[in-house]
Protein backbone atom coordinates (compact mmCIF):
# COMPACT_ATOMS: atom_id res chain seq x y z
CA MET A 1 -18.30 -0.16 -62.76
CA GLU A 2 -17.69 3.45 -63.72
CA LEU A 3 -19.33 4.44 -66.99
CA ARG A 4 -19.29 7.76 -68.78
CA ALA A 5 -21.42 9.43 -71.42
CA GLY A 6 -20.54 8.23 -74.91
CA GLN A 7 -19.33 4.82 -73.73
CA ARG A 8 -20.84 1.59 -74.99
CA ALA A 9 -21.74 -1.22 -72.60
CA VAL A 10 -23.53 -4.56 -72.66
CA VAL A 11 -26.06 -6.16 -70.31
CA ARG A 12 -24.45 -8.67 -67.95
CA VAL A 13 -27.60 -10.07 -66.30
CA GLY A 14 -30.26 -12.38 -67.72
CA VAL A 15 -32.87 -9.61 -68.02
CA ALA A 16 -32.24 -5.93 -67.28
CA THR A 17 -35.25 -3.67 -66.81
CA LEU A 18 -35.14 -0.23 -68.41
CA TRP A 19 -36.63 2.37 -66.05
CA SER A 20 -38.15 5.80 -66.59
CA GLY A 21 -35.79 7.10 -63.89
CA PRO A 22 -34.01 6.08 -60.68
CA GLU A 23 -36.65 7.88 -58.63
CA ALA A 24 -39.43 5.79 -60.20
CA VAL A 25 -38.44 2.44 -58.70
CA ARG A 26 -40.62 1.02 -55.93
CA PRO A 27 -39.82 -1.21 -52.94
CA ILE A 28 -41.37 -4.13 -54.84
CA ASP A 29 -38.72 -3.69 -57.57
CA ALA A 30 -35.73 -4.73 -55.43
CA PRO A 31 -35.29 -8.19 -57.09
CA ALA A 32 -34.91 -6.47 -60.48
CA LEU A 33 -32.31 -3.89 -59.44
CA GLY A 34 -29.18 -5.70 -58.29
CA ALA A 35 -26.24 -7.32 -60.00
CA HIS A 36 -28.02 -10.68 -59.57
CA VAL A 37 -31.52 -10.30 -60.94
CA ASP A 38 -34.47 -12.53 -60.06
CA THR A 39 -37.05 -11.47 -62.64
CA ALA A 40 -39.48 -14.28 -61.81
CA ALA A 41 -39.52 -13.39 -58.10
CA TRP A 42 -39.94 -9.70 -58.92
CA ILE A 43 -42.99 -10.33 -61.08
CA ALA A 44 -44.47 -12.88 -58.68
CA GLY A 45 -44.43 -10.24 -55.96
CA MET A 46 -46.51 -7.70 -57.89
CA ASP A 47 -50.23 -7.07 -57.69
CA THR A 48 -52.22 -6.31 -60.85
CA ASP A 49 -51.77 -2.55 -60.51
CA GLN A 50 -48.01 -2.86 -60.04
CA GLN A 51 -47.81 -5.00 -63.20
CA VAL A 52 -48.75 -2.00 -65.33
CA GLY A 53 -46.90 0.82 -63.59
CA ASP A 54 -45.40 3.35 -65.97
CA CYS A 55 -41.99 3.16 -64.25
CA VAL A 56 -40.96 0.27 -66.54
CA LEU A 57 -40.17 1.21 -70.14
CA SER A 58 -38.68 -1.98 -71.63
CA GLN A 59 -36.32 -4.83 -70.85
CA LEU A 60 -32.97 -5.87 -72.31
CA LEU A 61 -31.54 -9.37 -72.53
CA LEU A 62 -28.08 -10.61 -71.64
CA GLY A 63 -25.52 -9.25 -74.09
CA GLU A 64 -27.68 -6.45 -75.49
CA GLU A 65 -25.67 -3.34 -76.26
CA VAL A 66 -26.42 0.13 -74.93
CA LEU A 67 -24.94 3.58 -75.43
CA VAL A 68 -24.51 5.55 -72.22
CA THR A 69 -25.89 9.06 -72.67
CA GLU A 70 -25.79 10.43 -69.13
CA THR A 71 -24.53 9.54 -65.67
CA GLY A 72 -27.07 10.06 -62.92
CA PRO A 73 -27.39 9.31 -59.24
CA ARG A 74 -24.79 6.93 -57.89
CA GLY A 75 -25.20 3.51 -59.47
CA TRP A 76 -27.38 4.66 -62.40
CA VAL A 77 -26.83 5.67 -66.02
CA ARG A 78 -29.16 6.84 -68.75
CA VAL A 79 -28.76 4.80 -71.93
CA VAL A 80 -30.25 4.09 -75.29
CA ALA A 81 -30.85 0.42 -76.08
CA VAL A 82 -29.40 0.32 -79.59
CA GLU A 83 -30.95 -3.06 -80.45
CA GLN A 84 -34.49 -1.81 -79.77
CA PRO A 85 -35.34 0.74 -82.48
CA ALA A 86 -37.48 3.64 -81.23
CA VAL A 87 -37.11 6.42 -83.79
CA ASP A 88 -39.96 8.47 -82.32
CA LEU A 89 -38.13 8.58 -78.98
CA ASP A 90 -34.46 8.57 -80.02
CA PRO A 91 -33.01 7.66 -83.42
CA ARG A 92 -30.22 5.74 -81.68
CA GLY A 93 -32.47 3.34 -79.75
CA TYR A 94 -34.88 3.03 -76.85
CA PRO A 95 -33.98 5.48 -74.04
CA GLY A 96 -34.18 4.87 -70.30
CA TRP A 97 -32.21 4.25 -67.11
CA LEU A 98 -30.28 1.17 -65.95
CA PRO A 99 -28.37 0.28 -62.78
CA THR A 100 -24.65 0.25 -63.59
CA GLY A 101 -24.23 -3.09 -61.79
CA GLN A 102 -26.19 -4.73 -64.61
CA LEU A 103 -23.72 -3.56 -67.26
CA ALA A 104 -20.23 -4.51 -68.39
CA ALA A 105 -17.94 -2.59 -70.69
CA ALA A 106 -18.52 -3.48 -74.33
CA PRO A 107 -15.68 -5.37 -76.01
CA THR A 108 -13.32 -3.14 -77.94
CA GLY A 109 -13.01 -3.54 -81.67
CA THR A 110 -15.40 -5.53 -83.83
CA PRO A 111 -14.51 -9.21 -83.45
CA THR A 112 -15.98 -11.59 -85.97
CA VAL A 113 -18.46 -13.99 -84.40
CA THR A 114 -18.71 -17.30 -86.18
CA ASP A 115 -21.72 -19.54 -85.75
CA PRO A 116 -23.61 -17.35 -83.24
CA LEU A 117 -26.17 -19.07 -81.05
CA VAL A 118 -29.58 -18.05 -79.74
CA VAL A 119 -31.33 -19.42 -76.66
CA ASP A 120 -34.33 -21.55 -77.65
CA ALA A 121 -35.25 -22.69 -74.13
CA THR A 122 -37.87 -20.56 -72.40
CA VAL A 123 -35.40 -19.97 -69.59
CA THR A 124 -31.96 -21.36 -68.75
CA ALA A 125 -28.84 -20.43 -66.77
CA LEU A 126 -25.12 -20.08 -67.38
CA HIS A 127 -22.87 -22.17 -65.12
CA ALA A 128 -19.24 -21.87 -64.07
CA THR A 129 -18.62 -25.43 -65.29
CA PRO A 130 -20.85 -28.16 -66.71
CA HIS A 131 -23.26 -29.04 -63.89
CA GLY A 132 -21.48 -26.41 -61.75
CA ASP A 133 -22.56 -23.32 -59.87
CA VAL A 134 -24.93 -20.89 -61.58
CA ARG A 135 -23.23 -17.65 -62.54
CA ILE A 136 -26.05 -15.99 -64.52
CA SER A 137 -29.63 -17.09 -63.88
CA GLY A 138 -32.77 -16.20 -65.81
CA VAL A 139 -31.24 -16.31 -69.29
CA VAL A 140 -34.25 -16.32 -71.58
CA LEU A 141 -35.55 -17.20 -75.00
CA GLY A 142 -34.09 -15.01 -77.75
CA THR A 143 -30.81 -14.25 -75.97
CA ARG A 144 -27.92 -14.27 -78.42
CA LEU A 145 -24.72 -15.99 -77.31
CA THR A 146 -21.19 -16.23 -78.66
CA PRO A 147 -19.80 -19.78 -78.59
CA ALA A 148 -16.47 -20.30 -76.86
CA GLY A 149 -15.84 -23.73 -78.36
CA PRO A 150 -17.62 -26.96 -79.27
CA ALA A 151 -20.10 -28.70 -77.01
CA VAL A 152 -18.65 -31.14 -74.46
CA ASP A 153 -20.80 -33.98 -73.10
CA GLY A 154 -23.99 -32.05 -73.86
CA TRP A 155 -22.78 -28.71 -72.48
CA ARG A 156 -21.87 -25.66 -74.53
CA PRO A 157 -19.24 -23.07 -73.49
CA VAL A 158 -20.12 -19.45 -74.31
CA HIS A 159 -18.66 -16.03 -73.70
CA ALA A 160 -20.63 -13.87 -71.26
CA PRO A 161 -20.26 -10.15 -70.47
CA GLY A 162 -18.33 -9.52 -67.27
CA HIS A 163 -16.91 -13.04 -67.08
CA PRO A 164 -13.35 -13.60 -68.32
CA GLU A 165 -13.75 -17.39 -68.48
CA PRO A 166 -16.38 -19.16 -70.59
CA LEU A 167 -19.64 -20.14 -68.93
CA TRP A 168 -21.67 -23.24 -69.73
CA LEU A 169 -25.28 -24.15 -70.49
CA PRO A 170 -26.99 -27.28 -71.78
CA ASP A 171 -26.29 -27.49 -75.50
CA HIS A 172 -29.91 -28.38 -76.32
CA HIS A 173 -31.00 -25.01 -74.88
CA THR A 174 -29.41 -23.26 -77.87
CA VAL A 175 -29.79 -23.35 -81.63
CA PRO A 176 -27.76 -21.64 -84.38
CA LEU A 177 -28.94 -18.10 -85.02
CA PRO A 178 -30.89 -18.33 -88.31
CA THR A 179 -29.37 -16.73 -91.36
CA HIS A 180 -32.62 -16.58 -93.33
CA PRO A 181 -35.99 -14.92 -92.61
CA PRO A 182 -38.32 -17.17 -90.62
CA ALA A 183 -41.53 -18.61 -92.00
CA PRO A 184 -44.60 -17.00 -90.38
CA ASP A 185 -45.64 -20.27 -88.75
CA GLU A 186 -42.19 -20.55 -87.13
CA VAL A 187 -42.60 -17.17 -85.44
CA LEU A 188 -46.15 -17.98 -84.35
CA ALA A 189 -44.94 -21.28 -82.85
CA VAL A 190 -42.40 -19.39 -80.70
CA ALA A 191 -45.02 -16.89 -79.55
CA GLU A 192 -47.43 -19.75 -78.77
CA ARG A 193 -44.93 -21.04 -76.22
CA LEU A 194 -45.56 -17.87 -74.20
CA ARG A 195 -49.27 -18.48 -73.67
CA ASP A 196 -50.38 -17.59 -70.14
CA VAL A 197 -47.24 -15.54 -69.42
CA VAL A 198 -48.30 -12.65 -67.20
CA TYR A 199 -48.77 -9.21 -68.72
CA ILE A 200 -46.10 -6.75 -67.54
CA TRP A 201 -46.00 -3.23 -68.96
CA GLY A 202 -42.63 -2.91 -70.71
CA GLY A 203 -41.87 -6.63 -70.41
CA THR A 204 -39.92 -8.45 -73.11
CA SER A 205 -39.22 -11.80 -71.44
CA PRO A 206 -41.01 -15.09 -70.78
CA ALA A 207 -41.30 -14.03 -67.13
CA GLY A 208 -43.61 -11.16 -68.08
CA ILE A 209 -44.35 -9.40 -71.35
CA ASP A 210 -46.50 -6.77 -73.05
CA CYS A 211 -48.13 -6.76 -76.48
CA SER A 212 -45.30 -5.23 -78.49
CA GLY A 213 -42.74 -7.07 -76.36
CA LEU A 214 -44.27 -10.37 -77.46
CA VAL A 215 -43.89 -9.38 -81.11
CA HIS A 216 -40.36 -8.04 -80.59
CA LEU A 217 -39.21 -11.19 -78.77
CA ALA A 218 -40.81 -13.69 -81.17
CA TRP A 219 -38.94 -12.19 -84.14
CA ARG A 220 -35.77 -11.62 -82.11
CA ARG A 221 -35.57 -15.40 -81.64
CA PHE A 222 -34.94 -15.59 -85.40
CA GLY A 223 -32.49 -12.70 -85.54
CA VAL A 224 -35.03 -10.19 -86.89
CA GLN A 225 -34.84 -6.79 -85.21
CA LEU A 226 -38.25 -5.11 -84.94
CA PRO A 227 -38.92 -1.84 -83.13
CA ARG A 228 -39.94 -2.04 -79.50
CA ASP A 229 -43.31 -0.23 -79.57
CA ALA A 230 -46.47 -1.13 -81.47
CA GLY A 231 -46.75 2.10 -83.44
CA GLU A 232 -43.22 1.81 -84.75
CA GLN A 233 -43.72 -1.89 -85.47
CA ALA A 234 -46.57 -0.85 -87.76
CA ALA A 235 -44.33 1.67 -89.52
CA ALA A 236 -41.61 -0.96 -90.01
CA THR A 237 -43.88 -3.60 -91.56
CA THR A 238 -45.88 -3.91 -94.79
CA PRO A 239 -49.68 -3.40 -94.86
CA VAL A 240 -51.76 -6.07 -96.58
CA GLU A 241 -55.45 -6.08 -97.40
CA PHE A 242 -57.95 -7.31 -94.85
CA GLY A 243 -59.04 -10.79 -95.82
CA THR A 244 -55.60 -11.74 -97.12
CA GLU A 245 -53.94 -12.06 -93.72
CA ARG A 246 -52.26 -15.29 -92.76
CA ALA A 247 -51.00 -16.79 -89.51
CA GLY A 248 -47.93 -14.86 -88.38
CA ASP A 249 -49.06 -11.47 -89.69
CA LEU A 250 -49.76 -8.62 -87.27
CA TYR A 251 -53.04 -6.92 -86.33
CA PHE A 252 -52.77 -3.29 -85.19
CA PHE A 253 -55.34 -1.37 -83.15
CA ALA A 254 -56.04 2.32 -82.54
CA ARG A 255 -58.87 4.42 -81.18
CA ASP A 256 -60.28 7.43 -82.99
CA GLY A 257 -57.94 10.38 -82.80
CA SER A 258 -55.05 8.47 -81.26
CA GLY A 259 -52.09 6.44 -82.39
CA ILE A 260 -51.71 2.68 -82.44
CA HIS A 261 -51.97 1.29 -78.92
CA HIS A 262 -52.03 -2.50 -79.38
CA VAL A 263 -50.64 -5.28 -81.56
CA GLY A 264 -51.35 -8.99 -81.83
CA ILE A 265 -50.09 -11.87 -83.95
CA VAL A 266 -52.60 -13.35 -86.38
CA SER A 267 -53.11 -16.96 -85.29
CA ALA A 268 -55.35 -18.20 -88.14
CA PRO A 269 -56.61 -16.95 -91.51
CA PRO A 270 -59.94 -15.07 -91.24
CA ARG A 271 -63.12 -17.06 -91.59
CA PRO A 272 -66.46 -16.09 -93.17
CA GLY A 273 -68.21 -13.41 -91.14
CA ASP A 274 -64.99 -11.64 -90.13
CA ASP A 275 -64.10 -14.29 -87.56
CA ARG A 276 -60.53 -13.19 -86.83
CA ARG A 277 -58.18 -14.71 -84.27
CA MET A 278 -54.94 -13.56 -82.72
CA LEU A 279 -52.37 -14.37 -80.07
CA HIS A 280 -51.53 -11.34 -77.93
CA ALA A 281 -50.46 -10.09 -74.53
CA CYS A 282 -53.77 -8.77 -73.25
CA TYR A 283 -53.75 -5.78 -70.89
CA GLN A 284 -57.33 -6.37 -69.74
CA ARG A 285 -56.82 -10.02 -68.85
CA ARG A 286 -53.19 -9.60 -67.76
CA ARG A 287 -51.79 -12.55 -69.71
CA VAL A 288 -50.82 -13.87 -73.13
CA LEU A 289 -53.75 -15.61 -74.78
CA GLU A 290 -55.15 -16.69 -78.13
CA GLU A 291 -58.71 -15.67 -78.89
CA ARG A 292 -61.29 -14.65 -81.44
CA LEU A 293 -61.34 -10.87 -81.68
CA PRO A 294 -64.27 -9.63 -79.57
CA ASP A 295 -66.48 -6.88 -80.98
CA ASP A 296 -64.89 -4.11 -78.93
CA ARG A 297 -61.46 -5.13 -80.19
CA THR A 298 -62.63 -5.41 -83.81
CA ALA A 299 -64.00 -1.88 -83.57
CA THR A 300 -60.45 -0.56 -83.11
CA LEU A 301 -58.74 -2.79 -85.70
CA VAL A 302 -56.99 -0.47 -88.14
CA GLY A 303 -54.59 -2.64 -90.09
CA VAL A 304 -52.98 -5.96 -90.82
CA HIS A 305 -49.27 -5.99 -91.65
CA ARG A 306 -46.64 -8.49 -92.71
CA VAL A 307 -43.04 -8.61 -91.49
């Protein structure tokens, strides 16, 4: 699809990876680059060093909107992901590069969406017909969908970018998009479902995720848009006093003389003796885990915030 600067587009694959540039991709990245993405296979093929390469900036889910800012080498465009706030990088959204085959033209006008849905399954797929061929695989938790009619025999028709006819998924894989702020324990429960997911720098999906991606995705499931990076998540949330934190709040971490570099979700109120616990995507251990804050982590704890 031909795209030009200033045009809006939407992601047409389950998970689209936002790259630092076309030249940064590696041979190992092939499953994440085409018009039919296999995110799970891509991540499974990486070694621990490749999991934290700085070529990956973020990831976008099916239906996320982008603004094209530049056309590049054939098959690539530079975009800003307008649903991932990143004021320090670009006031319009998170900037990076996407393959054009993973985008579809955004719908014209501003149609009213009634009763929007959000994917509550960890991962699902969209089918041509109920029980039919898979058209979009790897559709993940937190993906917002527009219904195309009522459920039929346990299957729900939805509109999907790049597909003129409705596609189908099991109705129990979706829930109505909430219209009220979630309770902290609801958000924590969603994040808990991602325990043991592998750590991927820039990841925002249940196939692989980083610390701020975990926070972004857990609140996205409830329709709450938080910034993509930890430092901006701190700026967008409300500080509370140490000792008053509750499950579902956020711990932020920074080293002397540097900005915030890590975030975790408070998993239990603090106990006597500063026994604090959090759920987080841990760079050192390369997975999502829940743990008591070790001493070296406590030494860099700089704040607790509430969404």
